[in-house]
Amino acid sequence: MLLSTLEQAPGKQISHVLGMVAGSVVTSRHLGKDFMASMKTIVGGEIRGYTEMLEDARKIALERLEQNAADMGADAVLGIRYTTSSVMQSAAEVTAYGTAVLLR
């Protein structure tokens, strides 16, 4: 399946728009890593634990988006975007969304 942030698939035409698809995940770090992250804010720099958490969350959200599109019979998802929000302290939601289409 083609997954793209582009609005069109180069060299292809959209034959049918199936609708919006999304994949979402809420994730958090365990208390030990959260404590280490709070210590890192004192000295500054990248908080790798949170970077890894969000990278993993984006991957899961994209996989869920792709599965939702496959369930609709799509062969591509175009215009993919991500959103991130904090749902509570030390927990973040990542959503991937786009438009499921059939291509010619």
PDB file of N, CA and C in Angstrom:
ATOM      1  N   MET A   1       0.842  -1.171   0.000  1.00  0.00           N
ATOM      2  CA  MET A   1       0.000   0.000   0.000  1.00  0.00           C
ATOM      3  C   MET A   1       0.888   1.235   0.000  1.00  0.00           C
ATOM      4  N   LEU A   2       0.479   2.208  -0.827  1.00  0.00           N
ATOM      5  CA  LEU A   2       1.202   3.470  -0.888  1.00  0.00           C
ATOM      6  C   LEU A   2       0.746   4.369   0.252  1.00  0.00           C
ATOM      7  N   LEU A   3       1.701   4.845   1.044  1.00  0.00           N
ATOM      8  CA  LEU A   3       1.435   5.804   2.119  1.00  0.00           C
ATOM      9  C   LEU A   3       2.238   7.052   1.801  1.00  0.00           C
ATOM     10  N   SER A   4       1.552   8.207   1.740  1.00  0.00           N
ATOM     11  CA  SER A   4       2.249   9.408   1.306  1.00  0.00           C
ATOM     12  C   SER A   4       1.690  10.658   1.976  1.00  0.00           C
ATOM     13  N   THR A   5       2.578  11.612   2.196  1.00  0.00           N
ATOM     14  CA  THR A   5       2.141  12.918   2.676  1.00  0.00           C
ATOM     15  C   THR A   5       1.684  13.800   1.522  1.00  0.00           C
ATOM     16  N   LEU A   6       1.949  13.374   0.293  1.00  0.00           N
ATOM     17  CA  LEU A   6       1.512  14.132  -0.885  1.00  0.00           C
ATOM     18  C   LEU A   6      -0.001  14.026  -1.049  1.00  0.00           C
ATOM     19  N   GLU A   7      -0.579  15.013  -1.700  1.00  0.00           N
ATOM     20  CA  GLU A   7      -2.023  15.006  -1.960  1.00  0.00           C
ATOM     21  C   GLU A   7      -2.375  14.172  -3.184  1.00  0.00           C
ATOM     22  N   GLN A   8      -1.410  13.928  -4.054  1.00  0.00           N
ATOM     23  CA  GLN A   8      -1.590  13.123  -5.252  1.00  0.00           C
ATOM     24  C   GLN A   8      -0.480  12.078  -5.306  1.00  0.00           C
ATOM     25  N   ALA A   9      -0.739  10.984  -6.007  1.00  0.00           N
ATOM     26  CA  ALA A   9       0.290   9.962  -6.206  1.00  0.00           C
ATOM     27  C   ALA A   9       0.925  10.213  -7.573  1.00  0.00           C
ATOM     28  N   PRO A  10       2.207  10.546  -7.612  1.00  0.00           N
ATOM     29  CA  PRO A  10       2.854  10.838  -8.887  1.00  0.00           C
ATOM     30  C   PRO A  10       2.675   9.692  -9.890  1.00  0.00           C
ATOM     31  N   GLY A  11       2.240  10.042 -11.096  1.00  0.00           N
ATOM     32  CA  GLY A  11       2.054   9.054 -12.155  1.00  0.00           C
ATOM     33  C   GLY A  11       0.777   8.239 -12.037  1.00  0.00           C
ATOM     34  N   LYS A  12      -0.057   8.527 -11.058  1.00  0.00           N
ATOM     35  CA  LYS A  12      -1.303   7.785 -10.849  1.00  0.00           C
ATOM     36  C   LYS A  12      -2.467   8.764 -10.789  1.00  0.00           C
ATOM     37  N   GLN A  13      -3.638   8.243 -11.050  1.00  0.00           N
ATOM     38  CA  GLN A  13      -4.853   9.032 -10.888  1.00  0.00           C
ATOM     39  C   GLN A  13      -5.702   8.405  -9.795  1.00  0.00           C
ATOM     40  N   ILE A  14      -6.386   9.256  -9.051  1.00  0.00           N
ATOM     41  CA  ILE A  14      -7.305   8.757  -8.036  1.00  0.00           C
ATOM     42  C   ILE A  14      -8.589   8.354  -8.737  1.00  0.00           C
ATOM     43  N   SER A  15      -8.973   7.085  -8.601  1.00  0.00           N
ATOM     44  CA  SER A  15     -10.214   6.633  -9.226  1.00  0.00           C
ATOM     45  C   SER A  15     -11.395   6.745  -8.270  1.00  0.00           C
ATOM     46  N   HIS A  16     -11.138   6.665  -6.967  1.00  0.00           N
ATOM     47  CA  HIS A  16     -12.234   6.751  -6.000  1.00  0.00           C
ATOM     48  C   HIS A  16     -11.667   7.136  -4.634  1.00  0.00           C
ATOM     49  N   VAL A  17     -12.322   8.095  -3.986  1.00  0.00           N
ATOM     50  CA  VAL A  17     -11.960   8.478  -2.623  1.00  0.00           C
ATOM     51  C   VAL A  17     -12.835   7.673  -1.677  1.00  0.00           C
ATOM     52  N   LEU A  18     -12.203   6.888  -0.808  1.00  0.00           N
ATOM     53  CA  LEU A  18     -12.944   6.030   0.126  1.00  0.00           C
ATOM     54  C   LEU A  18     -13.269   6.747   1.431  1.00  0.00           C
ATOM     55  N   GLY A  19     -12.492   7.746   1.779  1.00  0.00           N
ATOM     56  CA  GLY A  19     -12.761   8.509   2.996  1.00  0.00           C
ATOM     57  C   GLY A  19     -11.538   8.637   3.875  1.00  0.00           C
ATOM     58  N   MET A  20     -11.743   9.323   4.977  1.00  0.00           N
ATOM     59  CA  MET A  20     -10.658   9.550   5.921  1.00  0.00           C
ATOM     60  C   MET A  20     -10.383   8.286   6.735  1.00  0.00           C
ATOM     61  N   VAL A  21      -9.111   8.045   6.979  1.00  0.00           N
ATOM     62  CA  VAL A  21      -8.695   6.945   7.858  1.00  0.00           C
ATOM     63  C   VAL A  21      -7.757   7.515   8.908  1.00  0.00           C
ATOM     64  N   ALA A  22      -7.721   6.846  10.045  1.00  0.00           N
ATOM     65  CA  ALA A  22      -6.856   7.302  11.132  1.00  0.00           C
ATOM     66  C   ALA A  22      -6.373   6.102  11.925  1.00  0.00           C
ATOM     67  N   GLY A  23      -5.275   6.299  12.587  1.00  0.00           N
ATOM     68  CA  GLY A  23      -4.738   5.335  13.533  1.00  0.00           C
ATOM     69  C   GLY A  23      -4.243   6.111  14.728  1.00  0.00           C
ATOM     70  N   SER A  24      -4.511   5.609  15.917  1.00  0.00           N
ATOM     71  CA  SER A  24      -4.184   6.368  17.120  1.00  0.00           C
ATOM     72  C   SER A  24      -3.623   5.446  18.196  1.00  0.00           C
ATOM     73  N   VAL A  25      -2.786   6.020  19.064  1.00  0.00           N
ATOM     74  CA  VAL A  25      -2.248   5.287  20.209  1.00  0.00           C
ATOM     75  C   VAL A  25      -1.984   6.287  21.333  1.00  0.00           C
ATOM     76  N   VAL A  26      -2.253   5.869  22.557  1.00  0.00           N
ATOM     77  CA  VAL A  26      -1.893   6.648  23.739  1.00  0.00           C
ATOM     78  C   VAL A  26      -0.801   5.857  24.441  1.00  0.00           C
ATOM     79  N   THR A  27       0.285   6.519  24.740  1.00  0.00           N
ATOM     80  CA  THR A  27       1.434   5.834  25.310  1.00  0.00           C
ATOM     81  C   THR A  27       2.038   6.651  26.446  1.00  0.00           C
ATOM     82  N   SER A  28       2.754   5.970  27.316  1.00  0.00           N
ATOM     83  CA  SER A  28       3.426   6.661  28.422  1.00  0.00           C
ATOM     84  C   SER A  28       4.724   5.938  28.751  1.00  0.00           C
ATOM     85  N   ARG A  29       5.561   6.597  29.516  1.00  0.00           N
ATOM     86  CA  ARG A  29       6.810   6.010  29.999  1.00  0.00           C
ATOM     87  C   ARG A  29       6.597   5.562  31.427  1.00  0.00           C
ATOM     88  N   HIS A  30       7.358   4.573  31.845  1.00  0.00           N
ATOM     89  CA  HIS A  30       7.218   4.137  33.235  1.00  0.00           C
ATOM     90  C   HIS A  30       7.883   5.140  34.171  1.00  0.00           C
ATOM     91  N   LEU A  31       7.559   5.041  35.418  1.00  0.00           N
ATOM     92  CA  LEU A  31       7.952   6.026  36.419  1.00  0.00           C
ATOM     93  C   LEU A  31       9.464   6.262  36.464  1.00  0.00           C
ATOM     94  N   GLY A  32      10.247   5.212  36.339  1.00  0.00           N
ATOM     95  CA  GLY A  32      11.703   5.356  36.391  1.00  0.00           C
ATOM     96  C   GLY A  32      12.226   6.229  35.263  1.00  0.00           C
ATOM     97  N   LYS A  33      11.756   5.987  34.054  1.00  0.00           N
ATOM     98  CA  LYS A  33      12.209   6.796  32.931  1.00  0.00           C
ATOM     99  C   LYS A  33      11.666   8.210  33.020  1.00  0.00           C
ATOM    100  N   ASP A  34      10.442   8.346  33.560  1.00  0.00           N
ATOM    101  CA  ASP A  34       9.869   9.676  33.725  1.00  0.00           C
ATOM    102  C   ASP A  34      10.705  10.486  34.718  1.00  0.00           C
ATOM    103  N   PHE A  35      11.171   9.844  35.789  1.00  0.00           N
ATOM    104  CA  PHE A  35      12.019  10.520  36.779  1.00  0.00           C
ATOM    105  C   PHE A  35      13.328  10.961  36.133  1.00  0.00           C
ATOM    106  N   MET A  36      13.934  10.076  35.329  1.00  0.00           N
ATOM    107  CA  MET A  36      15.194  10.418  34.666  1.00  0.00           C
ATOM    108  C   MET A  36      14.977  11.574  33.685  1.00  0.00           C
ATOM    109  N   ALA A  37      13.844  11.598  33.020  1.00  0.00           N
ATOM    110  CA  ALA A  37      13.546  12.698  32.097  1.00  0.00           C
ATOM    111  C   ALA A  37      13.433  14.013  32.845  1.00  0.00           C
ATOM    112  N   SER A  38      12.806  13.985  34.015  1.00  0.00           N
ATOM    113  CA  SER A  38      12.677  15.228  34.791  1.00  0.00           C
ATOM    114  C   SER A  38      14.050  15.724  35.243  1.00  0.00           C
ATOM    115  N   MET A  39      14.985  14.821  35.507  1.00  0.00           N
ATOM    116  CA  MET A  39      16.344  15.224  35.872  1.00  0.00           C
ATOM    117  C   MET A  39      17.045  15.872  34.678  1.00  0.00           C
ATOM    118  N   LYS A  40      16.751  15.378  33.494  1.00  0.00           N
ATOM    119  CA  LYS A  40      17.375  15.909  32.281  1.00  0.00           C
ATOM    120  C   LYS A  40      16.948  17.354  32.034  1.00  0.00           C
ATOM    121  N   THR A  41      15.744  17.715  32.452  1.00  0.00           N
ATOM    122  CA  THR A  41      15.284  19.096  32.245  1.00  0.00           C
ATOM    123  C   THR A  41      16.113  20.095  33.036  1.00  0.00           C
ATOM    124  N   ILE A  42      16.777  19.645  34.066  1.00  0.00           N
ATOM    125  CA  ILE A  42      17.616  20.537  34.876  1.00  0.00           C
ATOM    126  C   ILE A  42      18.866  20.947  34.101  1.00  0.00           C
ATOM    127  N   VAL A  43      19.494  19.980  33.420  1.00  0.00           N
ATOM    128  CA  VAL A  43      20.741  20.268  32.708  1.00  0.00           C
ATOM    129  C   VAL A  43      20.524  20.581  31.237  1.00  0.00           C
ATOM    130  N   GLY A  44      19.358  20.258  30.704  1.00  0.00           N
ATOM    131  CA  GLY A  44      19.054  20.541  29.301  1.00  0.00           C
ATOM    132  C   GLY A  44      19.491  19.416  28.380  1.00  0.00           C
ATOM    133  N   GLY A  45      19.060  19.497  27.151  1.00  0.00           N
ATOM    134  CA  GLY A  45      19.411  18.516  26.139  1.00  0.00           C
ATOM    135  C   GLY A  45      18.239  17.624  25.777  1.00  0.00           C
ATOM    136  N   GLU A  46      18.472  16.741  24.842  1.00  0.00           N
ATOM    137  CA  GLU A  46      17.434  15.842  24.364  1.00  0.00           C
ATOM    138  C   GLU A  46      17.031  14.851  25.444  1.00  0.00           C
ATOM    139  N   ILE A  47      15.743  14.612  25.566  1.00  0.00           N
ATOM    140  CA  ILE A  47      15.232  13.594  26.482  1.00  0.00           C
ATOM    141  C   ILE A  47      14.940  12.367  25.629  1.00  0.00           C
ATOM    142  N   ARG A  48      15.945  11.497  25.494  1.00  0.00           N
ATOM    143  CA  ARG A  48      15.874  10.367  24.562  1.00  0.00           C
ATOM    144  C   ARG A  48      14.716   9.423  24.844  1.00  0.00           C
ATOM    145  N   GLY A  49      14.379   9.227  26.111  1.00  0.00           N
ATOM    146  CA  GLY A  49      13.275   8.338  26.450  1.00  0.00           C
ATOM    147  C   GLY A  49      11.968   8.799  25.825  1.00  0.00           C
ATOM    148  N   TYR A  50      11.725  10.102  25.854  1.00  0.00           N
ATOM    149  CA  TYR A  50      10.506  10.638  25.256  1.00  0.00           C
ATOM    150  C   TYR A  50      10.587  10.635  23.731  1.00  0.00           C
ATOM    151  N   THR A  51      11.776  10.892  23.193  1.00  0.00           N
ATOM    152  CA  THR A  51      11.949  10.824  21.746  1.00  0.00           C
ATOM    153  C   THR A  51      11.619   9.420  21.252  1.00  0.00           C
ATOM    154  N   GLU A  52      12.158   8.408  21.926  1.00  0.00           N
ATOM    155  CA  GLU A  52      11.891   7.017  21.547  1.00  0.00           C
ATOM    156  C   GLU A  52      10.413   6.675  21.712  1.00  0.00           C
ATOM    157  N   MET A  53       9.796   7.169  22.797  1.00  0.00           N
ATOM    158  CA  MET A  53       8.381   6.905  23.031  1.00  0.00           C
ATOM    159  C   MET A  53       7.537   7.445  21.881  1.00  0.00           C
ATOM    160  N   LEU A  54       7.818   8.669  21.441  1.00  0.00           N
ATOM    161  CA  LEU A  54       7.031   9.264  20.364  1.00  0.00           C
ATOM    162  C   LEU A  54       7.332   8.619  19.019  1.00  0.00           C
ATOM    163  N   GLU A  55       8.572   8.216  18.769  1.00  0.00           N
ATOM    164  CA  GLU A  55       8.892   7.494  17.533  1.00  0.00           C
ATOM    165  C   GLU A  55       8.113   6.180  17.470  1.00  0.00           C
ATOM    166  N   ASP A  56       8.096   5.452  18.579  1.00  0.00           N
ATOM    167  CA  ASP A  56       7.344   4.192  18.635  1.00  0.00           C
ATOM    168  C   ASP A  56       5.851   4.442  18.442  1.00  0.00           C
ATOM    169  N   ALA A  57       5.340   5.490  19.072  1.00  0.00           N
ATOM    170  CA  ALA A  57       3.916   5.813  18.959  1.00  0.00           C
ATOM    171  C   ALA A  57       3.544   6.178  17.524  1.00  0.00           C
ATOM    172  N   ARG A  58       4.389   6.949  16.835  1.00  0.00           N
ATOM    173  CA  ARG A  58       4.110   7.291  15.428  1.00  0.00           C
ATOM    174  C   ARG A  58       4.073   6.036  14.569  1.00  0.00           C
ATOM    175  N   LYS A  59       4.989   5.113  14.825  1.00  0.00           N
ATOM    176  CA  LYS A  59       5.020   3.866  14.059  1.00  0.00           C
ATOM    177  C   LYS A  59       3.732   3.074  14.270  1.00  0.00           C
ATOM    178  N   ILE A  60       3.293   2.939  15.511  1.00  0.00           N
ATOM    179  CA  ILE A  60       2.063   2.199  15.813  1.00  0.00           C
ATOM    180  C   ILE A  60       0.860   2.887  15.178  1.00  0.00           C
ATOM    181  N   ALA A  61       0.780   4.216  15.303  1.00  0.00           N
ATOM    182  CA  ALA A  61      -0.342   4.960  14.729  1.00  0.00           C
ATOM    183  C   ALA A  61      -0.391   4.775  13.212  1.00  0.00           C
ATOM    184  N   LEU A  62       0.762   4.811  12.547  1.00  0.00           N
ATOM    185  CA  LEU A  62       0.800   4.629  11.098  1.00  0.00           C
ATOM    186  C   LEU A  62       0.385   3.213  10.711  1.00  0.00           C
ATOM    187  N   GLU A  63       0.833   2.213  11.475  1.00  0.00           N
ATOM    188  CA  GLU A  63       0.424   0.827  11.202  1.00  0.00           C
ATOM    189  C   GLU A  63      -1.090   0.672  11.339  1.00  0.00           C
ATOM    190  N   ARG A  64      -1.681   1.314  12.333  1.00  0.00           N
ATOM    191  CA  ARG A  64      -3.132   1.238  12.528  1.00  0.00           C
ATOM    192  C   ARG A  64      -3.880   1.963  11.414  1.00  0.00           C
ATOM    193  N   LEU A  65      -3.346   3.104  10.980  1.00  0.00           N
ATOM    194  CA  LEU A  65      -3.926   3.812   9.839  1.00  0.00           C
ATOM    195  C   LEU A  65      -3.919   2.914   8.612  1.00  0.00           C
ATOM    196  N   GLU A  66      -2.779   2.273   8.343  1.00  0.00           N
ATOM    197  CA  GLU A  66      -2.658   1.398   7.176  1.00  0.00           C
ATOM    198  C   GLU A  66      -3.634   0.231   7.262  1.00  0.00           C
ATOM    199  N   GLN A  67      -3.809  -0.345   8.448  1.00  0.00           N
ATOM    200  CA  GLN A  67      -4.750  -1.451   8.602  1.00  0.00           C
ATOM    201  C   GLN A  67      -6.182  -0.977   8.372  1.00  0.00           C
ATOM    202  N   ASN A  68      -6.526   0.199   8.885  1.00  0.00           N
ATOM    203  CA  ASN A  68      -7.868   0.739   8.660  1.00  0.00           C
ATOM    204  C   ASN A  68      -8.125   0.972   7.173  1.00  0.00           C
ATOM    205  N   ALA A  69      -7.116   1.469   6.466  1.00  0.00           N
ATOM    206  CA  ALA A  69      -7.252   1.695   5.030  1.00  0.00           C
ATOM    207  C   ALA A  69      -7.398   0.363   4.286  1.00  0.00           C
ATOM    208  N   ALA A  70      -6.626  -0.636   4.675  1.00  0.00           N
ATOM    209  CA  ALA A  70      -6.725  -1.961   4.046  1.00  0.00           C
ATOM    210  C   ALA A  70      -8.110  -2.556   4.277  1.00  0.00           C
ATOM    211  N   ASP A  71      -8.661  -2.361   5.477  1.00  0.00           N
ATOM    212  CA  ASP A  71     -10.002  -2.857   5.773  1.00  0.00           C
ATOM    213  C   ASP A  71     -11.059  -2.206   4.881  1.00  0.00           C
ATOM    214  N   MET A  72     -10.795  -0.972   4.428  1.00  0.00           N
ATOM    215  CA  MET A  72     -11.716  -0.274   3.525  1.00  0.00           C
ATOM    216  C   MET A  72     -11.505  -0.672   2.069  1.00  0.00           C
ATOM    217  N   GLY A  73     -10.436  -1.412   1.794  1.00  0.00           N
ATOM    218  CA  GLY A  73     -10.128  -1.813   0.424  1.00  0.00           C
ATOM    219  C   GLY A  73      -9.255  -0.818  -0.316  1.00  0.00           C
ATOM    220  N   ALA A  74      -8.641   0.104   0.373  1.00  0.00           N
ATOM    221  CA  ALA A  74      -7.801   1.127  -0.259  1.00  0.00           C
ATOM    222  C   ALA A  74      -6.487   0.533  -0.733  1.00  0.00           C
ATOM    223  N   ASP A  75      -5.930   1.170  -1.762  1.00  0.00           N
ATOM    224  CA  ASP A  75      -4.578   0.780  -2.152  1.00  0.00           C
ATOM    225  C   ASP A  75      -3.580   1.921  -1.921  1.00  0.00           C
ATOM    226  N   ALA A  76      -4.071   3.039  -1.345  1.00  0.00           N
ATOM    227  CA  ALA A  76      -3.184   4.151  -0.988  1.00  0.00           C
ATOM    228  C   ALA A  76      -3.854   5.014   0.070  1.00  0.00           C
ATOM    229  N   VAL A  77      -3.009   5.677   0.855  1.00  0.00           N
ATOM    230  CA  VAL A  77      -3.474   6.715   1.766  1.00  0.00           C
ATOM    231  C   VAL A  77      -2.640   7.948   1.455  1.00  0.00           C
ATOM    232  N   LEU A  78      -3.324   9.023   1.090  1.00  0.00           N
ATOM    233  CA  LEU A  78      -2.650  10.255   0.706  1.00  0.00           C
ATOM    234  C   LEU A  78      -2.898  11.342   1.741  1.00  0.00           C
ATOM    235  N   GLY A  79      -2.015  12.337   1.728  1.00  0.00           N
ATOM    236  CA  GLY A  79      -2.159  13.478   2.625  1.00  0.00           C
ATOM    237  C   GLY A  79      -1.992  13.124   4.089  1.00  0.00           C
ATOM    238  N   ILE A  80      -1.123  12.174   4.384  1.00  0.00           N
ATOM    239  CA  ILE A  80      -0.952  11.716   5.766  1.00  0.00           C
ATOM    240  C   ILE A  80      -0.344  12.825   6.628  1.00  0.00           C
ATOM    241  N   ARG A  81      -0.929  12.990   7.793  1.00  0.00           N
ATOM    242  CA  ARG A  81      -0.453  13.951   8.787  1.00  0.00           C
ATOM    243  C   ARG A  81      -0.464  13.270  10.155  1.00  0.00           C
ATOM    244  N   TYR A  82       0.270  13.853  11.084  1.00  0.00           N
ATOM    245  CA  TYR A  82       0.297  13.384  12.470  1.00  0.00           C
ATOM    246  C   TYR A  82      -0.166  14.505  13.391  1.00  0.00           C
ATOM    247  N   THR A  83      -0.821  14.127  14.457  1.00  0.00           N
ATOM    248  CA  THR A  83      -1.097  15.063  15.544  1.00  0.00           C
ATOM    249  C   THR A  83      -0.647  14.402  16.835  1.00  0.00           C
ATOM    250  N   THR A  84      -0.257  15.238  17.772  1.00  0.00           N
ATOM    251  CA  THR A  84       0.158  14.750  19.084  1.00  0.00           C
ATOM    252  C   THR A  84      -0.509  15.618  20.135  1.00  0.00           C
ATOM    253  N   SER A  85      -0.990  14.978  21.176  1.00  0.00           N
ATOM    254  CA  SER A  85      -1.569  15.740  22.282  1.00  0.00           C
ATOM    255  C   SER A  85      -1.239  15.048  23.590  1.00  0.00           C
ATOM    256  N   SER A  86      -1.219  15.823  24.617  1.00  0.00           N
ATOM    257  CA  SER A  86      -0.991  15.295  25.953  1.00  0.00           C
ATOM    258  C   SER A  86      -2.346  14.987  26.565  1.00  0.00           C
ATOM    259  N   VAL A  87      -2.542  13.739  27.004  1.00  0.00           N
ATOM    260  CA  VAL A  87      -3.826  13.365  27.583  1.00  0.00           C
ATOM    261  C   VAL A  87      -3.788  13.373  29.104  1.00  0.00           C
ATOM    262  N   MET A  88      -2.603  13.283  29.650  1.00  0.00           N
ATOM    263  CA  MET A  88      -2.384  13.398  31.090  1.00  0.00           C
ATOM    264  C   MET A  88      -0.882  13.506  31.305  1.00  0.00           C
ATOM    265  N   GLN A  89      -0.449  13.760  32.500  1.00  0.00           N
ATOM    266  CA  GLN A  89       0.981  13.880  32.753  1.00  0.00           C
ATOM    267  C   GLN A  89       1.676  12.579  32.374  1.00  0.00           C
ATOM    268  N   SER A  90       2.714  12.686  31.585  1.00  0.00           N
ATOM    269  CA  SER A  90       3.538  11.554  31.144  1.00  0.00           C
ATOM    270  C   SER A  90       2.837  10.611  30.172  1.00  0.00           C
ATOM    271  N   ALA A  91       1.740  11.041  29.558  1.00  0.00           N
ATOM    272  CA  ALA A  91       1.075  10.220  28.545  1.00  0.00           C
ATOM    273  C   ALA A  91       0.739  11.097  27.347  1.00  0.00           C
ATOM    274  N   ALA A  92       0.997  10.573  26.160  1.00  0.00           N
ATOM    275  CA  ALA A  92       0.739  11.325  24.933  1.00  0.00           C
ATOM    276  C   ALA A  92      -0.058  10.476  23.960  1.00  0.00           C
ATOM    277  N   GLU A  93      -0.931  11.143  23.218  1.00  0.00           N
ATOM    278  CA  GLU A  93      -1.663  10.488  22.138  1.00  0.00           C
ATOM    279  C   GLU A  93      -1.040  10.928  20.829  1.00  0.00           C
ATOM    280  N   VAL A  94      -0.805   9.976  19.955  1.00  0.00           N
ATOM    281  CA  VAL A  94      -0.344  10.271  18.605  1.00  0.00           C
ATOM    282  C   VAL A  94      -1.382   9.701  17.655  1.00  0.00           C
ATOM    283  N   THR A  95      -1.828  10.534  16.719  1.00  0.00           N
ATOM    284  CA  THR A  95      -2.792  10.106  15.709  1.00  0.00           C
ATOM    285  C   THR A  95      -2.202  10.374  14.338  1.00  0.00           C
ATOM    286  N   ALA A  96      -2.303   9.396  13.460  1.00  0.00           N
ATOM    287  CA  ALA A  96      -1.950   9.551  12.056  1.00  0.00           C
ATOM    288  C   ALA A  96      -3.261   9.526  11.285  1.00  0.00           C
ATOM    289  N   TYR A  97      -3.422  10.444  10.329  1.00  0.00           N
ATOM    290  CA  TYR A  97      -4.658  10.464   9.556  1.00  0.00           C
ATOM    291  C   TYR A  97      -4.366  10.852   8.113  1.00  0.00           C
ATOM    292  N   GLY A  98      -5.252  10.450   7.238  1.00  0.00           N
ATOM    293  CA  GLY A  98      -5.103  10.750   5.819  1.00  0.00           C
ATOM    294  C   GLY A  98      -6.353  10.334   5.079  1.00  0.00           C
ATOM    295  N   THR A  99      -6.280  10.340   3.749  1.00  0.00           N
ATOM    296  CA  THR A  99      -7.414  10.001   2.903  1.00  0.00           C
ATOM    297  C   THR A  99      -7.131   8.682   2.182  1.00  0.00           C
ATOM    298  N   ALA A 100      -8.016   7.717   2.406  1.00  0.00           N
ATOM    299  CA  ALA A 100      -7.892   6.414   1.733  1.00  0.00           C
ATOM    300  C   ALA A 100      -8.468   6.527   0.331  1.00  0.00           C
ATOM    301  N   VAL A 101      -7.720   6.033  -0.656  1.00  0.00           N
ATOM    302  CA  VAL A 101      -8.140   6.141  -2.049  1.00  0.00           C
ATOM    303  C   VAL A 101      -7.857   4.851  -2.808  1.00  0.00           C
ATOM    304  N   LEU A 102      -8.521   4.744  -3.950  1.00  0.00           N
ATOM    305  CA  LEU A 102      -8.201   3.742  -4.958  1.00  0.00           C
ATOM    306  C   LEU A 102      -7.521   4.469  -6.092  1.00  0.00           C
ATOM    307  N   LEU A 103      -6.453   3.886  -6.612  1.00  0.00           N
ATOM    308  CA  LEU A 103      -5.696   4.500  -7.699  1.00  0.00           C
ATOM    309  C   LEU A 103      -5.886   3.736  -9.006  1.00  0.00           C
ATOM    310  N   ARG A 104      -5.711   4.453 -10.120  1.00  0.00           N
ATOM    311  CA  ARG A 104      -5.691   3.810 -11.445  1.00  0.00           C
ATOM    312  C   ARG A 104      -4.263   3.642 -11.864  1.00  0.00           C
TER     313      ARG A 104
END
